[in-house]
């Protein structure tokens, strides 16, 4: 019985210590009630790059990331978001024997948010704040598969950055 009580005390102490550490580092806990809006509509995502399919990937990951934050995505919502993917770049990071073996992906997206009162807010050049590298391969199928995964990760990072900007103005 005494050991069980000590174990509970240790767990509670660890939880309090963890919450205190997170609070001291600038992290805050937010409830669903503190979100600036509860629902949003994702309108047109336009791809003005030469890379096909980015608009479909960005729309899917944007919806997924909104839902992870507790924001419903419904077509009739008064808050609306649309975007234009303006830039896509895939520069070489490393070459071996004259062949590129590692690339990185960068994207630039301009976003228009319209709130329930019709107020418009533009956010220019949203992109991944992280470098999204991927390794090349002699197998073309493997190269294209890893490239597609890296594209998705770069677009997901951009979606997270956008949602963070919307929630924490």
C-alpha atoms as a PDB file:
ATOM      1  CA  UNK A   1       0.000   0.000   0.000  1.00  0.00           C
ATOM      2  CA  UNK A   2       2.804   2.377   0.916  1.00  0.00           C
ATOM      3  CA  UNK A   3       4.637   1.652  -2.356  1.00  0.00           C
ATOM      4  CA  UNK A   4       1.485   2.354  -4.338  1.00  0.00           C
ATOM      5  CA  UNK A   5       1.055   5.707  -2.571  1.00  0.00           C
ATOM      6  CA  UNK A   6       4.668   6.645  -3.318  1.00  0.00           C
ATOM      7  CA  UNK A   7       4.234   5.650  -6.951  1.00  0.00           C
ATOM      8  CA  UNK A   8       1.184   7.912  -7.226  1.00  0.00           C
ATOM      9  CA  UNK A   9       3.131  10.747  -5.592  1.00  0.00           C
ATOM     10  CA  UNK A  10       5.989  10.283  -8.049  1.00  0.00           C
ATOM     11  CA  UNK A  11       3.616  10.353 -11.008  1.00  0.00           C
ATOM     12  CA  UNK A  12       1.894  13.505  -9.749  1.00  0.00           C
ATOM     13  CA  UNK A  13       5.236  15.165  -9.087  1.00  0.00           C
ATOM     14  CA  UNK A  14       6.429  14.288 -12.598  1.00  0.00           C
ATOM     15  CA  UNK A  15       3.226  15.657 -14.157  1.00  0.00           C
ATOM     16  CA  UNK A  16       3.491  18.923 -12.224  1.00  0.00           C
ATOM     17  CA  UNK A  17       7.148  19.221 -13.128  1.00  0.00           C
ATOM     18  CA  UNK A  18       6.370  18.595 -16.807  1.00  0.00           C
ATOM     19  CA  UNK A  19       3.585  21.178 -16.917  1.00  0.00           C
ATOM     20  CA  UNK A  20       5.827  23.690 -15.136  1.00  0.00           C
ATOM     21  CA  UNK A  21       8.668  23.055 -17.567  1.00  0.00           C
ATOM     22  CA  UNK A  22       6.398  23.456 -20.595  1.00  0.00           C
ATOM     23  CA  UNK A  23       4.914  26.649 -19.195  1.00  0.00           C
ATOM     24  CA  UNK A  24       8.362  28.095 -18.469  1.00  0.00           C
ATOM     25  CA  UNK A  25       9.574  27.394 -22.022  1.00  0.00           C
ATOM     26  CA  UNK A  26       6.870  29.522 -23.616  1.00  0.00           C
ATOM     27  CA  UNK A  27       4.499  26.662 -24.379  1.00  0.00           C
ATOM     28  CA  UNK A  28       0.856  27.094 -23.536  1.00  0.00           C
ATOM     29  CA  UNK A  29      -2.050  24.710 -23.445  1.00  0.00           C
ATOM     30  CA  UNK A  30      -5.071  25.827 -25.448  1.00  0.00           C
ATOM     31  CA  UNK A  31      -8.531  24.376 -25.264  1.00  0.00           C
ATOM     32  CA  UNK A  32     -10.941  23.963 -28.138  1.00  0.00           C
ATOM     33  CA  UNK A  33     -12.925  26.904 -26.710  1.00  0.00           C
ATOM     34  CA  UNK A  34      -9.966  29.264 -27.205  1.00  0.00           C
ATOM     35  CA  UNK A  35      -9.773  28.688 -30.985  1.00  0.00           C
ATOM     36  CA  UNK A  36     -10.612  31.822 -33.011  1.00  0.00           C
ATOM     37  CA  UNK A  37     -13.082  29.810 -35.108  1.00  0.00           C
ATOM     38  CA  UNK A  38     -14.581  26.329 -35.013  1.00  0.00           C
ATOM     39  CA  UNK A  39     -15.133  25.689 -38.711  1.00  0.00           C
ATOM     40  CA  UNK A  40     -13.640  26.715 -42.026  1.00  0.00           C
ATOM     41  CA  UNK A  41     -14.188  26.060 -45.710  1.00  0.00           C
ATOM     42  CA  UNK A  42     -11.250  25.267 -47.960  1.00  0.00           C
ATOM     43  CA  UNK A  43     -11.886  26.937 -51.304  1.00  0.00           C
ATOM     44  CA  UNK A  44      -9.777  26.799 -54.444  1.00  0.00           C
ATOM     45  CA  UNK A  45      -6.132  25.806 -54.199  1.00  0.00           C
ATOM     46  CA  UNK A  46      -4.422  26.959 -57.388  1.00  0.00           C
ATOM     47  CA  UNK A  47      -1.111  25.543 -58.573  1.00  0.00           C
ATOM     48  CA  UNK A  48       0.922  28.024 -60.649  1.00  0.00           C
ATOM     49  CA  UNK A  49       4.043  25.887 -60.700  1.00  0.00           C
ATOM     50  CA  UNK A  50       5.150  23.371 -63.282  1.00  0.00           C
ATOM     51  CA  UNK A  51       4.924  20.538 -60.718  1.00  0.00           C
ATOM     52  CA  UNK A  52       1.649  18.655 -61.284  1.00  0.00           C
ATOM     53  CA  UNK A  53      -0.681  17.678 -58.465  1.00  0.00           C
ATOM     54  CA  UNK A  54       0.582  19.990 -55.709  1.00  0.00           C
ATOM     55  CA  UNK A  55      -2.834  21.606 -55.331  1.00  0.00           C
ATOM     56  CA  UNK A  56      -4.465  18.241 -54.567  1.00  0.00           C
ATOM     57  CA  UNK A  57      -1.826  17.311 -51.996  1.00  0.00           C
ATOM     58  CA  UNK A  58      -2.001  20.741 -50.323  1.00  0.00           C
ATOM     59  CA  UNK A  59      -5.790  20.671 -50.120  1.00  0.00           C
ATOM     60  CA  UNK A  60      -5.744  17.201 -48.536  1.00  0.00           C
ATOM     61  CA  UNK A  61      -3.034  17.987 -45.961  1.00  0.00           C
ATOM     62  CA  UNK A  62      -4.625  21.353 -45.139  1.00  0.00           C
ATOM     63  CA  UNK A  63      -7.938  19.640 -44.341  1.00  0.00           C
ATOM     64  CA  UNK A  64      -6.134  16.985 -42.272  1.00  0.00           C
ATOM     65  CA  UNK A  65      -4.190  19.588 -40.296  1.00  0.00           C
ATOM     66  CA  UNK A  66      -7.298  21.714 -39.603  1.00  0.00           C
ATOM     67  CA  UNK A  67      -9.077  18.616 -38.325  1.00  0.00           C
ATOM     68  CA  UNK A  68      -6.112  17.707 -36.091  1.00  0.00           C
ATOM     69  CA  UNK A  69      -6.503  21.126 -34.457  1.00  0.00           C
ATOM     70  CA  UNK A  70     -10.215  20.539 -33.800  1.00  0.00           C
ATOM     71  CA  UNK A  71     -11.410  22.811 -36.603  1.00  0.00           C
ATOM     72  CA  UNK A  72     -14.192  21.322 -38.745  1.00  0.00           C
ATOM     73  CA  UNK A  73     -13.829  21.688 -42.503  1.00  0.00           C
ATOM     74  CA  UNK A  74     -17.239  22.148 -44.088  1.00  0.00           C
ATOM     75  CA  UNK A  75     -18.196  23.807 -47.401  1.00  0.00           C
ATOM     76  CA  UNK A  76     -20.845  26.074 -45.835  1.00  0.00           C
ATOM     77  CA  UNK A  77     -18.520  27.630 -43.215  1.00  0.00           C
ATOM     78  CA  UNK A  78     -18.367  31.427 -43.093  1.00  0.00           C
ATOM     79  CA  UNK A  79     -14.596  31.450 -42.515  1.00  0.00           C
ATOM     80  CA  UNK A  80     -12.877  30.546 -45.781  1.00  0.00           C
ATOM     81  CA  UNK A  81      -9.350  29.899 -46.989  1.00  0.00           C
ATOM     82  CA  UNK A  82      -7.980  29.756 -50.533  1.00  0.00           C
ATOM     83  CA  UNK A  83      -4.407  29.563 -51.734  1.00  0.00           C
ATOM     84  CA  UNK A  84      -2.075  29.898 -54.707  1.00  0.00           C
ATOM     85  CA  UNK A  85       1.015  27.708 -54.816  1.00  0.00           C
ATOM     86  CA  UNK A  86       3.433  30.111 -56.494  1.00  0.00           C
ATOM     87  CA  UNK A  87       6.815  28.442 -56.206  1.00  0.00           C
ATOM     88  CA  UNK A  88       8.182  24.931 -56.137  1.00  0.00           C
ATOM     89  CA  UNK A  89      11.911  24.320 -56.159  1.00  0.00           C
ATOM     90  CA  UNK A  90      13.958  21.152 -55.899  1.00  0.00           C
ATOM     91  CA  UNK A  91      17.643  22.117 -55.805  1.00  0.00           C
ATOM     92  CA  UNK A  92      20.451  19.604 -55.509  1.00  0.00           C
ATOM     93  CA  UNK A  93      22.084  19.212 -52.104  1.00  0.00           C
ATOM     94  CA  UNK A  94      24.710  16.558 -52.818  1.00  0.00           C
ATOM     95  CA  UNK A  95      26.308  15.052 -55.886  1.00  0.00           C
ATOM     96  CA  UNK A  96      28.335  11.858 -56.183  1.00  0.00           C
ATOM     97  CA  UNK A  97      30.132  11.023 -59.399  1.00  0.00           C
ATOM     98  CA  UNK A  98      28.311  13.723 -61.329  1.00  0.00           C
ATOM     99  CA  UNK A  99      24.847  12.474 -60.248  1.00  0.00           C
ATOM    100  CA  UNK A 100      22.604  14.204 -57.743  1.00  0.00           C
ATOM    101  CA  UNK A 101      22.102  12.018 -54.693  1.00  0.00           C
ATOM    102  CA  UNK A 102      20.187  14.377 -52.417  1.00  0.00           C
ATOM    103  CA  UNK A 103      17.625  17.094 -53.080  1.00  0.00           C
ATOM    104  CA  UNK A 104      15.566  19.484 -51.008  1.00  0.00           C
ATOM    105  CA  UNK A 105      12.089  20.774 -51.683  1.00  0.00           C
ATOM    106  CA  UNK A 106      10.878  24.307 -51.042  1.00  0.00           C
ATOM    107  CA  UNK A 107       7.423  25.746 -51.697  1.00  0.00           C
ATOM    108  CA  UNK A 108       5.932  29.230 -51.552  1.00  0.00           C
ATOM    109  CA  UNK A 109       2.194  29.655 -51.084  1.00  0.00           C
ATOM    110  CA  UNK A 110       0.086  32.824 -50.963  1.00  0.00           C
ATOM    111  CA  UNK A 111      -3.052  32.466 -48.847  1.00  0.00           C
ATOM    112  CA  UNK A 112      -6.287  34.449 -48.630  1.00  0.00           C
ATOM    113  CA  UNK A 113      -8.417  34.082 -45.506  1.00  0.00           C
ATOM    114  CA  UNK A 114     -11.913  35.537 -45.419  1.00  0.00           C
ATOM    115  CA  UNK A 115     -13.515  35.680 -41.971  1.00  0.00           C
ATOM    116  CA  UNK A 116     -17.199  35.481 -41.095  1.00  0.00           C
ATOM    117  CA  UNK A 117     -17.515  39.304 -41.400  1.00  0.00           C
ATOM    118  CA  UNK A 118     -16.064  39.362 -44.910  1.00  0.00           C
ATOM    119  CA  UNK A 119     -12.718  40.766 -43.754  1.00  0.00           C
ATOM    120  CA  UNK A 120      -9.858  39.524 -45.922  1.00  0.00           C
ATOM    121  CA  UNK A 121      -6.382  38.711 -44.702  1.00  0.00           C
ATOM    122  CA  UNK A 122      -3.504  37.866 -47.017  1.00  0.00           C
ATOM    123  CA  UNK A 123      -0.553  35.795 -45.902  1.00  0.00           C
ATOM    124  CA  UNK A 124       2.237  35.848 -48.458  1.00  0.00           C
ATOM    125  CA  UNK A 125       4.819  33.171 -49.106  1.00  0.00           C
ATOM    126  CA  UNK A 126       3.811  30.542 -46.579  1.00  0.00           C
ATOM    127  CA  UNK A 127       6.231  27.645 -46.822  1.00  0.00           C
ATOM    128  CA  UNK A 128       7.924  24.957 -44.875  1.00  0.00           C
ATOM    129  CA  UNK A 129      10.103  26.455 -42.137  1.00  0.00           C
ATOM    130  CA  UNK A 130      12.215  23.300 -42.322  1.00  0.00           C
ATOM    131  CA  UNK A 131      14.482  21.903 -44.998  1.00  0.00           C
ATOM    132  CA  UNK A 132      12.761  18.910 -46.592  1.00  0.00           C
ATOM    133  CA  UNK A 133      15.557  16.765 -48.002  1.00  0.00           C
ATOM    134  CA  UNK A 134      15.248  13.416 -49.732  1.00  0.00           C
ATOM    135  CA  UNK A 135      17.802  11.026 -51.139  1.00  0.00           C
ATOM    136  CA  UNK A 136      18.071  10.203 -54.814  1.00  0.00           C
ATOM    137  CA  UNK A 137      18.218   6.696 -56.184  1.00  0.00           C
ATOM    138  CA  UNK A 138      19.270   4.957 -59.381  1.00  0.00           C
ATOM    139  CA  UNK A 139      15.808   3.368 -59.427  1.00  0.00           C
ATOM    140  CA  UNK A 140      13.468   5.921 -61.038  1.00  0.00           C
ATOM    141  CA  UNK A 141      10.383   4.483 -59.306  1.00  0.00           C
ATOM    142  CA  UNK A 142      12.033   4.818 -55.904  1.00  0.00           C
ATOM    143  CA  UNK A 143      13.193   8.357 -56.711  1.00  0.00           C
ATOM    144  CA  UNK A 144       9.679   9.443 -57.690  1.00  0.00           C
ATOM    145  CA  UNK A 145       8.153   7.813 -54.601  1.00  0.00           C
ATOM    146  CA  UNK A 146      10.549   9.518 -52.205  1.00  0.00           C
ATOM    147  CA  UNK A 147      10.090  12.801 -54.067  1.00  0.00           C
ATOM    148  CA  UNK A 148       6.308  12.579 -53.640  1.00  0.00           C
ATOM    149  CA  UNK A 149       6.700  11.915 -49.906  1.00  0.00           C
ATOM    150  CA  UNK A 150       9.053  14.895 -49.552  1.00  0.00           C
ATOM    151  CA  UNK A 151       6.579  17.114 -51.463  1.00  0.00           C
ATOM    152  CA  UNK A 152       3.808  16.057 -49.114  1.00  0.00           C
ATOM    153  CA  UNK A 153       5.941  16.750 -46.047  1.00  0.00           C
ATOM    154  CA  UNK A 154       6.899  20.225 -47.328  1.00  0.00           C
ATOM    155  CA  UNK A 155       3.237  21.029 -48.042  1.00  0.00           C
ATOM    156  CA  UNK A 156       2.175  19.621 -44.645  1.00  0.00           C
ATOM    157  CA  UNK A 157       4.760  21.852 -42.933  1.00  0.00           C
ATOM    158  CA  UNK A 158       3.367  24.844 -44.866  1.00  0.00           C
ATOM    159  CA  UNK A 159      -0.180  23.908 -43.786  1.00  0.00           C
ATOM    160  CA  UNK A 160       0.931  23.705 -40.142  1.00  0.00           C
ATOM    161  CA  UNK A 161       2.635  27.086 -40.412  1.00  0.00           C
ATOM    162  CA  UNK A 162      -0.526  28.602 -41.919  1.00  0.00           C
ATOM    163  CA  UNK A 163      -2.801  27.134 -39.256  1.00  0.00           C
ATOM    164  CA  UNK A 164      -0.463  28.319 -36.522  1.00  0.00           C
ATOM    165  CA  UNK A 165      -0.600  31.848 -37.961  1.00  0.00           C
ATOM    166  CA  UNK A 166      -4.414  31.703 -38.038  1.00  0.00           C
ATOM    167  CA  UNK A 167      -4.819  30.354 -34.523  1.00  0.00           C
ATOM    168  CA  UNK A 168      -2.175  32.454 -32.781  1.00  0.00           C
ATOM    169  CA  UNK A 169      -2.498  35.676 -34.849  1.00  0.00           C
END
